[in-house]
């Protein structure tokens, strides 16, 4: 009986043997899976970055706690929670892995120029930069595509081209190794202003589309309305005296020859007395000459008496002419009811714009007592920088706009100075404007636009769309979930539309009216960065 039991234990049955073998195989497979799962890695989509899931560490055991923005800066999400971080390499760049191969890519700024740098690894061991070709292709929201090639520089793969801001793009990394090619993708969202459609509507932000438009280009200069100096007179008495009466008031329109004031002058009185005495001497000399000439013709008097009488007459005539000229020079009439009466008269039709005279006042001969200006024409003067003088020429058409009220008028450039100021480095230019209603008052600030030819620009945006970020003109381009600042190069403008030379394509949607709201949202700090 005992032998039979021992035989049964020592020689298991075929069925039991199969069960034992099956359990051994299953145990070995489970053990292999456990060992393999402890070191397995996976790629997680998180803003376009590859991420590790095992203990939150990369291949070098560096722990992560914040979302990476592409420059090694940690950022938390708007809601406050933090997503699983992108893997980092030993140089602080993003780590992309496939099998035993991995590449570390970093956007670094050196001397103000952002460039890509890359390091290659095989089984966690560095690979020489000469053993692979790396190309990064960037697709930007405005449709531009940039292919950036990396080449060895000081032992590191470095991009030959700079990566222009904003750093918002979808990127593809193509790596060609001697063994096989690799392809990785990621997204960069640095500088994006997150706004929902409801927020855009509530902020009264108007969306528009860049389109071809006809633009009449021109140059704008600040200017000022001034008196027409060719039709402005400063009235001075030219003789000293006392004011007897003043008949013109400040702001009054006067006609040519109208009496403005009357001055009693001793100098005028002496000159008129001199004239009257000369006139009497001339009359006496004329009578004497006529008598002596008659006697000489009758052979009674000698010719010498006639010649002497003629000489006296000529001298009397000269005295009369001299006294008359003195009166005319100062603007006084040759005859008056009062010897000392002197009348100040308007030289042309105009307006009294200055008055410095009063009844009973003693005035000097060089005192400016009235300023009369003909305001039917005025000057719009502007300072033109030297670089723009080739486009501002005599005869060019201009549009003058008031800075204080809604008024415009057309004119032509009448004068461009030949000299450039030493301090301002500008030349003075002038436009003569008709002013029949007197609306263009001297002293009014205006904007003078010199018009050029009308051209069709392939890409234009509304003037309200342009904003300045870091001293560069930008247009906020509409993208899913908000806006991105798109640097642009501007060209001609007509005040309403602006030509976009580069940076934007036709058909792009952008923030027009209310774009300053987007800029203010960007300036709150959520979209700022430092390299």
Protein backbone atom coordinates (compact mmCIF):
# COMPACT_ATOMS: atom_id res chain seq x y z
CA UNK A 1 0.00 0.00 0.00
CA UNK A 2 2.84 2.32 0.83
CA UNK A 3 4.65 1.49 -2.34
CA UNK A 4 1.58 2.24 -4.37
CA UNK A 5 1.30 5.73 -2.76
CA UNK A 6 4.90 6.48 -3.39
CA UNK A 7 4.51 5.42 -6.97
CA UNK A 8 1.61 7.75 -7.39
CA UNK A 9 3.54 10.74 -5.99
CA UNK A 10 6.73 10.11 -7.83
CA UNK A 11 5.12 9.65 -11.15
CA UNK A 12 2.57 12.36 -11.73
CA UNK A 13 0.00 11.90 -14.40
CA UNK A 14 0.17 13.44 -17.86
CA UNK A 15 -2.67 15.82 -17.09
CA UNK A 16 -0.96 17.15 -13.98
CA UNK A 17 2.25 17.61 -15.90
CA UNK A 18 0.54 19.82 -18.49
CA UNK A 19 -0.99 21.96 -15.74
CA UNK A 20 2.39 22.49 -14.11
CA UNK A 21 4.03 23.47 -17.43
CA UNK A 22 1.20 25.94 -18.22
CA UNK A 23 1.53 27.64 -14.83
CA UNK A 24 5.28 28.01 -15.30
CA UNK A 25 4.81 29.68 -18.75
CA UNK A 26 2.15 32.09 -17.47
CA UNK A 27 4.30 33.08 -14.50
CA UNK A 28 7.32 33.74 -16.72
CA UNK A 29 5.25 35.92 -19.09
CA UNK A 30 3.75 37.93 -16.25
CA UNK A 31 7.16 38.52 -14.75
CA UNK A 32 8.51 39.75 -18.08
CA UNK A 33 5.59 42.16 -18.50
CA UNK A 34 6.10 43.54 -15.00
CA UNK A 35 9.79 44.08 -15.60
CA UNK A 36 9.14 45.69 -18.98
CA UNK A 37 6.30 47.90 -17.73
CA UNK A 38 8.55 49.42 -15.07
CA UNK A 39 10.71 51.07 -17.69
CA UNK A 40 8.21 51.68 -20.48
CA UNK A 41 7.64 55.18 -21.81
CA UNK A 42 4.79 56.82 -23.69
CA UNK A 43 4.21 60.07 -25.62
CA UNK A 44 1.40 62.25 -24.35
CA UNK A 45 -0.18 65.02 -26.36
CA UNK A 46 0.05 68.15 -24.23
CA UNK A 47 0.37 71.38 -26.18
CA UNK A 48 2.34 69.47 -28.78
CA UNK A 49 5.04 68.26 -26.33
CA UNK A 50 6.07 64.64 -25.84
CA UNK A 51 5.62 63.67 -22.17
CA UNK A 52 6.72 60.80 -19.95
CA UNK A 53 4.31 59.05 -17.60
CA UNK A 54 6.64 56.94 -15.45
CA UNK A 55 7.04 58.78 -12.15
CA UNK A 56 6.97 62.14 -14.00
CA UNK A 57 10.65 61.82 -14.92
CA UNK A 58 12.67 61.93 -18.14
CA UNK A 59 15.42 59.59 -19.09
CA UNK A 60 17.77 61.37 -16.70
CA UNK A 61 15.47 61.30 -13.69
CA UNK A 62 14.64 65.05 -13.78
CA UNK A 63 11.23 65.64 -12.20
CA UNK A 64 8.70 68.00 -13.85
CA UNK A 65 5.90 70.02 -12.31
CA UNK A 66 4.76 72.68 -14.82
CA UNK A 67 3.78 72.93 -18.42
CA UNK A 68 6.61 74.04 -20.70
CA UNK A 69 6.13 76.91 -23.16
CA UNK A 70 8.91 76.03 -25.53
CA UNK A 71 11.58 78.17 -23.89
CA UNK A 72 11.92 76.19 -20.69
CA UNK A 73 9.51 78.45 -18.78
CA UNK A 74 6.91 76.71 -16.61
CA UNK A 75 3.31 77.89 -16.99
CA UNK A 76 0.12 76.90 -15.23
CA UNK A 77 -3.17 76.74 -17.05
CA UNK A 78 -5.77 79.48 -16.79
CA UNK A 79 -7.96 77.36 -14.55
CA UNK A 80 -5.18 77.02 -12.00
CA UNK A 81 -4.32 73.29 -12.36
CA UNK A 82 -1.11 72.12 -13.94
CA UNK A 83 -0.92 69.64 -16.77
CA UNK A 84 1.62 66.86 -16.93
CA UNK A 85 4.90 68.47 -17.94
CA UNK A 86 6.89 67.96 -21.13
CA UNK A 87 10.09 65.95 -20.73
CA UNK A 88 13.26 67.95 -20.35
CA UNK A 89 16.77 67.15 -21.40
CA UNK A 90 19.96 67.93 -19.52
CA UNK A 91 20.29 71.22 -21.49
CA UNK A 92 16.82 72.47 -20.56
CA UNK A 93 15.20 71.75 -23.94
CA UNK A 94 12.21 69.61 -24.92
CA UNK A 95 12.90 65.89 -25.22
CA UNK A 96 11.37 63.83 -28.05
CA UNK A 97 11.91 60.05 -27.98
CA UNK A 98 11.22 57.13 -30.29
CA UNK A 99 12.68 53.78 -29.34
CA UNK A 100 16.34 54.14 -28.40
CA UNK A 101 16.66 57.46 -30.27
CA UNK A 102 15.85 60.86 -28.75
CA UNK A 103 16.42 64.52 -29.65
CA UNK A 104 16.49 67.48 -27.31
CA UNK A 105 15.35 70.79 -28.93
CA UNK A 106 15.67 74.21 -27.31
CA UNK A 107 14.77 77.72 -28.57
CA UNK A 108 17.55 79.87 -27.10
CA UNK A 109 18.19 83.58 -27.51
CA UNK A 110 21.79 84.68 -27.90
CA UNK A 111 22.72 88.30 -28.57
CA UNK A 112 19.05 89.09 -29.14
CA UNK A 113 18.63 86.41 -31.86
CA UNK A 114 16.38 83.39 -31.12
CA UNK A 115 17.78 80.17 -32.65
CA UNK A 116 17.07 76.46 -32.30
CA UNK A 117 19.68 74.24 -30.65
CA UNK A 118 19.52 70.44 -30.66
CA UNK A 119 21.29 67.51 -28.99
CA UNK A 120 20.96 63.87 -30.16
CA UNK A 121 21.00 60.70 -28.02
CA UNK A 122 21.06 56.97 -28.70
CA UNK A 123 20.29 54.78 -25.70
CA UNK A 124 20.79 57.85 -23.50
CA UNK A 125 24.27 58.38 -24.87
CA UNK A 126 25.08 61.60 -26.81
CA UNK A 127 25.48 61.35 -30.58
CA UNK A 128 27.94 63.50 -32.50
CA UNK A 129 26.09 66.38 -34.26
CA UNK A 130 27.73 65.44 -37.56
CA UNK A 131 25.99 62.05 -37.60
CA UNK A 132 22.51 63.36 -38.44
CA UNK A 133 20.64 66.00 -40.42
CA UNK A 134 17.97 67.98 -38.54
CA UNK A 135 15.36 70.27 -40.11
CA UNK A 136 12.57 72.11 -38.27
CA UNK A 137 9.61 73.25 -40.37
CA UNK A 138 7.43 76.02 -38.90
CA UNK A 139 3.86 76.70 -40.03
CA UNK A 140 2.62 80.04 -38.70
CA UNK A 141 -1.01 81.20 -38.30
CA UNK A 142 -0.67 83.73 -41.14
CA UNK A 143 0.14 80.93 -43.58
CA UNK A 144 3.88 81.53 -43.77
CA UNK A 145 6.13 78.48 -43.69
CA UNK A 146 9.75 78.56 -42.61
CA UNK A 147 12.24 75.73 -42.97
CA UNK A 148 15.02 75.94 -40.44
CA UNK A 149 18.09 73.77 -40.96
CA UNK A 150 20.42 72.96 -38.09
CA UNK A 151 24.17 72.57 -38.52
CA UNK A 152 27.01 71.82 -36.08
CA UNK A 153 28.34 74.97 -34.37
CA UNK A 154 30.82 74.55 -31.50
CA UNK A 155 29.72 70.95 -31.04
CA UNK A 156 25.97 71.74 -30.94
CA UNK A 157 23.40 71.58 -33.72
CA UNK A 158 22.34 75.22 -34.22
CA UNK A 159 19.84 76.76 -36.65
CA UNK A 160 21.34 78.89 -39.38
CA UNK A 161 18.27 81.18 -39.51
CA UNK A 162 16.79 83.14 -36.64
CA UNK A 163 13.28 82.29 -35.49
CA UNK A 164 11.27 85.48 -35.73
CA UNK A 165 8.66 86.35 -33.13
CA UNK A 166 5.91 85.75 -32.32
CA UNK A 167 6.82 82.18 -31.45
CA UNK A 168 3.42 80.78 -32.33
CA UNK A 169 3.51 77.95 -34.81
CA UNK A 170 3.04 74.25 -35.53
CA UNK A 171 6.44 72.63 -35.94
CA UNK A 172 7.75 69.42 -37.46
CA UNK A 173 11.19 68.04 -36.59
CA UNK A 174 12.70 65.85 -39.29
CA UNK A 175 15.82 63.90 -38.29
CA UNK A 176 17.80 61.80 -40.77
CA UNK A 177 20.30 59.41 -39.15
CA UNK A 178 22.50 56.84 -40.87
CA UNK A 179 20.14 54.13 -39.59
CA UNK A 180 16.66 55.54 -40.19
CA UNK A 181 14.63 58.81 -40.28
CA UNK A 182 12.54 60.19 -37.40
CA UNK A 183 9.68 62.67 -37.35
CA UNK A 184 8.32 64.59 -34.36
CA UNK A 185 5.71 67.37 -34.07
CA UNK A 186 4.89 70.01 -31.46
CA UNK A 187 2.98 73.28 -31.06
CA UNK A 188 4.28 76.61 -29.78
CA UNK A 189 1.74 79.09 -28.35
CA UNK A 190 3.92 81.82 -26.86
CA UNK A 191 2.21 85.24 -26.93
CA UNK A 192 -1.29 84.05 -27.77
CA UNK A 193 -4.13 86.11 -26.27
CA UNK A 194 -6.88 83.70 -25.22
CA UNK A 195 -10.37 85.10 -25.82
CA UNK A 196 -13.64 83.31 -26.41
CA UNK A 197 -16.19 84.45 -28.98
CA UNK A 198 -18.38 85.72 -26.16
CA UNK A 199 -15.52 87.79 -24.75
CA UNK A 200 -14.77 89.21 -28.20
CA UNK A 201 -18.39 90.26 -28.64
CA UNK A 202 -18.61 91.71 -25.13
CA UNK A 203 -15.43 93.76 -25.71
CA UNK A 204 -16.90 95.29 -28.92
CA UNK A 205 -14.01 93.95 -30.97
CA UNK A 206 -14.78 94.07 -34.69
CA UNK A 207 -13.31 91.39 -36.94
CA UNK A 208 -12.33 92.27 -40.48
CA UNK A 209 -10.57 90.59 -43.40
CA UNK A 210 -7.43 91.80 -45.15
CA UNK A 211 -8.32 92.66 -48.75
CA UNK A 212 -6.84 94.43 -51.78
CA UNK A 213 -7.84 98.09 -51.83
CA UNK A 214 -7.11 101.24 -53.80
CA UNK A 215 -4.98 103.60 -51.70
CA UNK A 216 -4.04 107.15 -52.53
CA UNK A 217 -0.75 107.30 -50.77
CA UNK A 218 0.59 110.48 -49.28
CA UNK A 219 2.84 112.06 -46.72
CA UNK A 220 1.36 113.78 -43.70
CA UNK A 221 2.97 116.70 -41.90
CA UNK A 222 1.82 118.76 -38.93
CA UNK A 223 1.21 122.36 -39.88
CA UNK A 224 -0.21 125.65 -38.68
CA UNK A 225 -2.39 128.30 -40.29
CA UNK A 226 -0.62 131.66 -40.53
CA UNK A 227 -1.33 135.10 -41.97
CA UNK A 228 -0.68 135.61 -45.63
CA UNK A 229 2.38 137.79 -45.15
CA UNK A 230 2.03 139.15 -48.68
CA UNK A 231 -1.32 140.61 -47.63
CA UNK A 232 -0.52 141.67 -44.06
CA UNK A 233 0.47 145.26 -43.17
CA UNK A 234 1.78 146.74 -39.94
CA UNK A 235 0.56 150.36 -39.80
CA UNK A 236 3.02 152.83 -38.22
CA UNK A 237 2.48 156.65 -38.05
CA UNK A 238 5.95 157.44 -39.50
CA UNK A 239 5.76 160.75 -37.61
CA UNK A 240 5.46 161.45 -33.91
CA UNK A 241 2.26 163.01 -32.67
CA UNK A 242 -0.81 162.85 -30.45
CA UNK A 243 -3.87 160.77 -31.35
CA UNK A 244 -6.90 162.97 -32.09
CA UNK A 245 -9.35 160.18 -32.97
CA UNK A 246 -9.56 156.41 -33.59
CA UNK A 247 -12.28 155.18 -35.95
CA UNK A 248 -11.25 151.51 -36.50
CA UNK A 249 -11.87 148.77 -33.95
CA UNK A 250 -10.19 145.41 -33.40
CA UNK A 251 -11.71 142.71 -35.65
CA UNK A 252 -13.36 145.24 -37.94
CA UNK A 253 -13.26 144.76 -41.70
CA UNK A 254 -11.92 147.83 -43.44
CA UNK A 255 -11.69 148.97 -47.05
CA UNK A 256 -8.70 150.30 -48.90
CA UNK A 257 -8.17 154.01 -48.10
CA UNK A 258 -10.51 153.99 -45.08
CA UNK A 259 -9.40 156.32 -42.24
CA UNK A 260 -8.25 154.30 -39.22
CA UNK A 261 -7.08 157.12 -36.93
CA UNK A 262 -6.14 160.82 -36.95
CA UNK A 263 -2.90 162.09 -35.41
CA UNK A 264 -1.88 165.72 -34.78
CA UNK A 265 1.81 166.07 -35.62
CA UNK A 266 4.12 169.08 -35.35
CA UNK A 267 6.34 167.59 -38.01
CA UNK A 268 3.44 167.42 -40.45
CA UNK A 269 2.51 170.99 -39.60
CA UNK A 270 6.05 172.20 -40.36
CA UNK A 271 6.17 170.29 -43.63
CA UNK A 272 2.82 171.68 -44.78
CA UNK A 273 3.96 175.19 -43.84
CA UNK A 274 7.12 174.64 -45.83
CA UNK A 275 5.04 173.50 -48.77
CA UNK A 276 2.76 176.51 -48.66
CA UNK A 277 5.75 178.89 -48.46
CA UNK A 278 7.36 177.15 -51.42
CA UNK A 279 4.14 177.45 -53.37
CA UNK A 280 4.00 181.23 -52.71
CA UNK A 281 7.62 181.65 -53.78
CA UNK A 282 6.90 179.71 -56.91
CA UNK A 283 3.96 181.93 -57.77
CA UNK A 284 6.09 185.09 -57.25
CA UNK A 285 8.95 183.62 -59.26
CA UNK A 286 6.55 182.73 -62.06
CA UNK A 287 5.18 186.28 -62.19
CA UNK A 288 8.69 187.77 -62.20
CA UNK A 289 9.81 185.42 -64.93
CA UNK A 290 6.83 186.23 -67.16
CA UNK A 291 7.47 190.00 -66.78
CA UNK A 292 11.20 189.80 -67.49
CA UNK A 293 10.59 187.58 -70.49
CA UNK A 294 8.11 190.08 -71.91
CA UNK A 295 10.54 192.98 -71.39
CA UNK A 296 13.34 191.02 -73.02
CA UNK A 297 11.19 190.24 -76.03
CA UNK A 298 10.44 193.99 -76.32
CA UNK A 299 14.17 194.71 -76.21
CA UNK A 300 13.73 196.64 -72.99
CA UNK A 301 15.52 194.36 -70.50
CA UNK A 302 18.67 192.42 -71.08
CA UNK A 303 18.58 188.61 -71.45
CA UNK A 304 20.52 188.24 -68.19
CA UNK A 305 17.48 189.45 -66.18
CA UNK A 306 15.32 186.83 -67.92
CA UNK A 307 17.77 184.05 -67.06
CA UNK A 308 17.95 185.11 -63.42
CA UNK A 309 14.14 185.14 -63.16
CA UNK A 310 14.00 181.69 -64.78
CA UNK A 311 16.54 180.33 -62.26
CA UNK A 312 14.51 181.67 -59.35
CA UNK A 313 11.37 180.02 -60.74
CA UNK A 314 13.12 176.63 -61.06
CA UNK A 315 14.35 176.82 -57.48
CA UNK A 316 10.84 177.63 -56.22
CA UNK A 317 9.44 174.66 -58.13
CA UNK A 318 12.06 172.39 -56.55
CA UNK A 319 11.11 173.60 -53.08
CA UNK A 320 7.45 172.85 -53.79
CA UNK A 321 8.28 169.35 -55.06
CA UNK A 322 10.52 168.67 -52.04
CA UNK A 323 7.86 169.65 -49.51
CA UNK A 324 5.21 167.67 -51.41
CA UNK A 325 7.39 164.55 -51.43
CA UNK A 326 7.96 164.80 -47.68
CA UNK A 327 4.22 164.71 -47.06
CA UNK A 328 3.63 161.87 -49.51
CA UNK A 329 6.43 159.83 -47.97
CA UNK A 330 4.73 159.72 -44.58
CA UNK A 331 1.32 159.23 -46.15
CA UNK A 332 -0.03 162.71 -45.42
CA UNK A 333 -2.13 164.69 -47.84
CA UNK A 334 -0.74 167.94 -49.28
CA UNK A 335 -3.78 169.94 -48.21
CA UNK A 336 -5.83 169.83 -45.03
CA UNK A 337 -8.03 172.07 -42.97
CA UNK A 338 -5.50 171.71 -40.19
CA UNK A 339 -1.77 171.97 -40.83
CA UNK A 340 -0.90 169.24 -38.29
CA UNK A 341 -3.70 166.76 -39.14
CA UNK A 342 -2.36 163.38 -40.22
CA UNK A 343 -4.68 160.50 -41.24
CA UNK A 344 -3.75 156.79 -40.98
CA UNK A 345 -5.49 154.88 -43.80
CA UNK A 346 -5.90 151.17 -44.67
CA UNK A 347 -3.55 150.11 -47.50
CA UNK A 348 -5.94 147.38 -48.78
CA UNK A 349 -9.15 145.57 -47.89
CA UNK A 350 -8.68 143.46 -44.79
CA UNK A 351 -9.37 142.98 -41.11
CA UNK A 352 -7.93 144.78 -38.10
CA UNK A 353 -6.18 141.91 -36.30
CA UNK A 354 -4.09 144.06 -33.93
CA UNK A 355 -4.69 147.49 -32.41
CA UNK A 356 -2.28 149.43 -30.19
CA UNK A 357 -3.59 152.99 -30.25
CA UNK A 358 -5.95 155.04 -28.09
CA UNK A 359 -7.40 158.54 -28.06
CA UNK A 360 -5.02 161.14 -26.63
CA UNK A 361 -2.06 158.77 -26.73
CA UNK A 362 1.33 160.10 -27.75
CA UNK A 363 2.72 157.84 -30.45
CA UNK A 364 6.20 157.56 -31.90
CA UNK A 365 6.99 157.47 -35.56
CA UNK A 366 7.93 153.74 -35.52
CA UNK A 367 5.15 152.42 -33.24
CA UNK A 368 3.03 149.62 -34.73
CA UNK A 369 -0.47 150.89 -34.02
CA UNK A 370 -2.51 148.64 -36.34
CA UNK A 371 -2.05 145.30 -38.09
CA UNK A 372 -4.26 144.78 -41.10
CA UNK A 373 -4.47 141.37 -42.79
CA UNK A 374 -6.41 140.17 -45.81
CA UNK A 375 -7.84 136.84 -44.54
CA UNK A 376 -9.44 135.88 -47.84
CA UNK A 377 -6.24 133.85 -48.35
CA UNK A 378 -4.09 132.29 -45.61
CA UNK A 379 -0.97 130.18 -45.46
CA UNK A 380 -0.66 126.62 -44.14
CA UNK A 381 2.99 126.22 -43.18
CA UNK A 382 4.74 122.93 -42.41
CA UNK A 383 8.23 121.63 -41.76
CA UNK A 384 9.38 118.94 -44.18
CA UNK A 385 12.19 116.53 -43.16
CA UNK A 386 15.10 116.30 -45.57
CA UNK A 387 14.24 112.68 -46.50
CA UNK A 388 10.79 113.74 -47.80
CA UNK A 389 11.82 116.79 -49.82
CA UNK A 390 11.90 114.81 -53.08
CA UNK A 391 8.16 114.16 -52.75
CA UNK A 392 7.14 117.66 -51.65
CA UNK A 393 7.49 119.97 -54.60
CA UNK A 394 5.92 123.21 -55.76
CA UNK A 395 2.61 122.45 -57.47
CA UNK A 396 1.93 119.16 -55.63
CA UNK A 397 -1.69 118.71 -54.56
CA UNK A 398 -2.38 118.63 -50.83
CA UNK A 399 -5.33 118.10 -48.49
CA UNK A 400 -5.41 120.23 -45.34
CA UNK A 401 -7.41 118.91 -42.36
CA UNK A 402 -8.30 120.83 -39.25
CA UNK A 403 -7.19 119.42 -35.92
CA UNK A 404 -9.94 121.19 -33.97
CA UNK A 405 -13.05 120.58 -36.09
CA UNK A 406 -14.21 118.53 -39.04
CA UNK A 407 -13.07 120.57 -42.02
CA UNK A 408 -10.87 119.85 -45.04
CA UNK A 409 -9.79 121.84 -48.06
CA UNK A 410 -7.61 121.29 -51.09
CA UNK A 411 -4.63 123.32 -52.21
CA UNK A 412 -1.23 123.17 -53.83
CA UNK A 413 2.29 123.61 -52.54
CA UNK A 414 3.28 127.22 -53.32
CA UNK A 415 6.72 127.33 -51.76
CA UNK A 416 9.43 124.94 -50.53
CA UNK A 417 12.42 126.41 -48.74
CA UNK A 418 15.88 126.00 -50.23
CA UNK A 419 17.61 125.84 -46.84
CA UNK A 420 17.43 123.18 -44.10
CA UNK A 421 17.41 124.34 -40.49
CA UNK A 422 20.50 123.50 -38.49
CA UNK A 423 18.52 122.48 -35.42
CA UNK A 424 15.35 120.96 -36.91
CA UNK A 425 16.93 119.49 -40.08
CA UNK A 426 13.74 120.43 -41.92
CA UNK A 427 12.77 122.84 -44.68
CA UNK A 428 9.81 125.20 -44.54
CA UNK A 429 6.99 124.60 -47.03
CA UNK A 430 3.85 126.62 -47.62
CA UNK A 431 0.38 126.11 -49.03
CA UNK A 432 -1.87 129.06 -50.00
CA UNK A 433 -5.47 128.34 -48.97
CA UNK A 434 -8.59 130.21 -50.04
CA UNK A 435 -10.51 131.33 -46.97
CA UNK A 436 -13.72 133.02 -48.11
CA UNK A 437 -15.67 132.17 -44.94
CA UNK A 438 -12.81 132.92 -42.56
CA UNK A 439 -12.91 129.40 -41.06
CA UNK A 440 -9.14 128.87 -41.34
CA UNK A 441 -7.99 131.15 -38.58
CA UNK A 442 -4.30 131.94 -38.06
CA UNK A 443 -2.87 129.86 -35.21
CA UNK A 444 -5.03 126.80 -35.98
CA UNK A 445 -3.14 123.49 -35.99
CA UNK A 446 -3.73 121.40 -39.09
CA UNK A 447 -2.56 118.23 -40.79
CA UNK A 448 -1.19 118.68 -44.31
CA UNK A 449 -1.24 115.58 -46.52
CA UNK A 450 0.75 115.71 -49.75
CA UNK A 451 -1.07 113.44 -52.20
CA UNK A 452 0.63 110.99 -54.53
CA UNK A 453 -0.66 108.65 -57.22
CA UNK A 454 -3.51 106.25 -56.47
CA UNK A 455 -2.43 102.60 -56.50
CA UNK A 456 -4.06 99.24 -55.75
CA UNK A 457 -2.41 97.49 -52.80
CA UNK A 458 -2.77 93.68 -52.71
CA UNK A 459 -3.11 93.50 -48.90
CA UNK A 460 -4.64 96.25 -46.75
CA UNK A 461 -6.14 96.46 -43.26
CA UNK A 462 -8.16 99.07 -41.43
CA UNK A 463 -6.07 101.78 -39.79
CA UNK A 464 -7.67 100.94 -36.43
CA UNK A 465 -6.13 97.46 -36.59
CA UNK A 466 -2.55 98.65 -36.23
CA UNK A 467 -1.03 98.51 -32.76
CA UNK A 468 2.55 98.84 -31.54
CA UNK A 469 4.18 96.07 -29.53
CA UNK A 470 7.84 96.44 -28.55
CA UNK A 471 8.15 99.40 -30.94
CA UNK A 472 6.98 97.29 -33.89
CA UNK A 473 3.67 97.55 -35.79
CA UNK A 474 1.49 94.48 -35.32
CA UNK A 475 -1.94 93.24 -36.37
CA UNK A 476 -3.78 90.88 -34.03
CA UNK A 477 -4.57 87.86 -36.19
CA UNK A 478 -7.65 85.79 -35.30
CA UNK A 479 -6.89 82.15 -34.49
CA UNK A 480 -9.02 79.48 -32.79
CA UNK A 481 -9.39 80.47 -29.16
CA UNK A 482 -8.14 84.04 -29.43
CA UNK A 483 -5.61 86.27 -31.20
CA UNK A 484 -1.90 86.27 -31.94
CA UNK A 485 0.20 89.42 -32.53
CA UNK A 486 1.46 89.33 -36.10
CA UNK A 487 4.35 91.73 -36.87
CA UNK A 488 3.83 93.50 -40.19
CA UNK A 489 5.64 95.93 -42.43
CA UNK A 490 3.38 98.80 -43.43
CA UNK A 491 3.44 100.88 -46.60
CA UNK A 492 1.14 103.59 -47.94
CA UNK A 493 -1.94 104.82 -46.13
CA UNK A 494 -4.86 107.12 -46.86
CA UNK A 495 -5.94 107.50 -43.25
CA UNK A 496 -8.59 104.75 -43.46
CA UNK A 497 -6.70 101.79 -44.92
CA UNK A 498 -3.04 100.82 -44.50
CA UNK A 499 -1.01 98.81 -47.00
CA UNK A 500 0.65 95.69 -45.56
CA UNK A 501 3.91 95.09 -47.40
CA UNK A 502 4.81 91.86 -45.59
CA UNK A 503 3.67 89.76 -42.65
CA UNK A 504 0.03 89.23 -43.67
CA UNK A 505 -1.77 87.64 -46.60
CA UNK A 506 -5.05 88.59 -48.23
CA UNK A 507 -8.09 86.95 -46.65
CA UNK A 508 -6.71 86.85 -43.10
CA UNK A 509 -9.15 87.65 -40.29
CA UNK A 510 -7.92 90.21 -37.77
CA UNK A 511 -9.10 92.51 -34.99
CA UNK A 512 -10.03 95.90 -36.49
CA UNK A 513 -11.97 98.32 -34.28
CA UNK A 514 -11.23 97.55 -30.65
CA UNK A 515 -7.82 96.01 -31.30
CA UNK A 516 -6.47 98.06 -28.40
CA UNK A 517 -8.56 95.83 -26.11
CA UNK A 518 -6.64 92.79 -27.35
CA UNK A 519 -3.39 94.63 -26.76
CA UNK A 520 -4.40 95.46 -23.21
CA UNK A 521 -5.24 91.81 -22.58
CA UNK A 522 -1.83 90.84 -23.88
CA UNK A 523 -0.19 93.37 -21.58
CA UNK A 524 -1.70 91.85 -18.45
CA UNK A 525 1.20 89.43 -18.26
CA UNK A 526 -0.43 86.14 -19.21
CA UNK A 527 1.08 86.24 -22.68
CA UNK A 528 4.45 87.76 -21.92
CA UNK A 529 7.73 85.88 -21.96
CA UNK A 530 11.44 86.20 -21.54
CA UNK A 531 14.09 84.13 -23.20
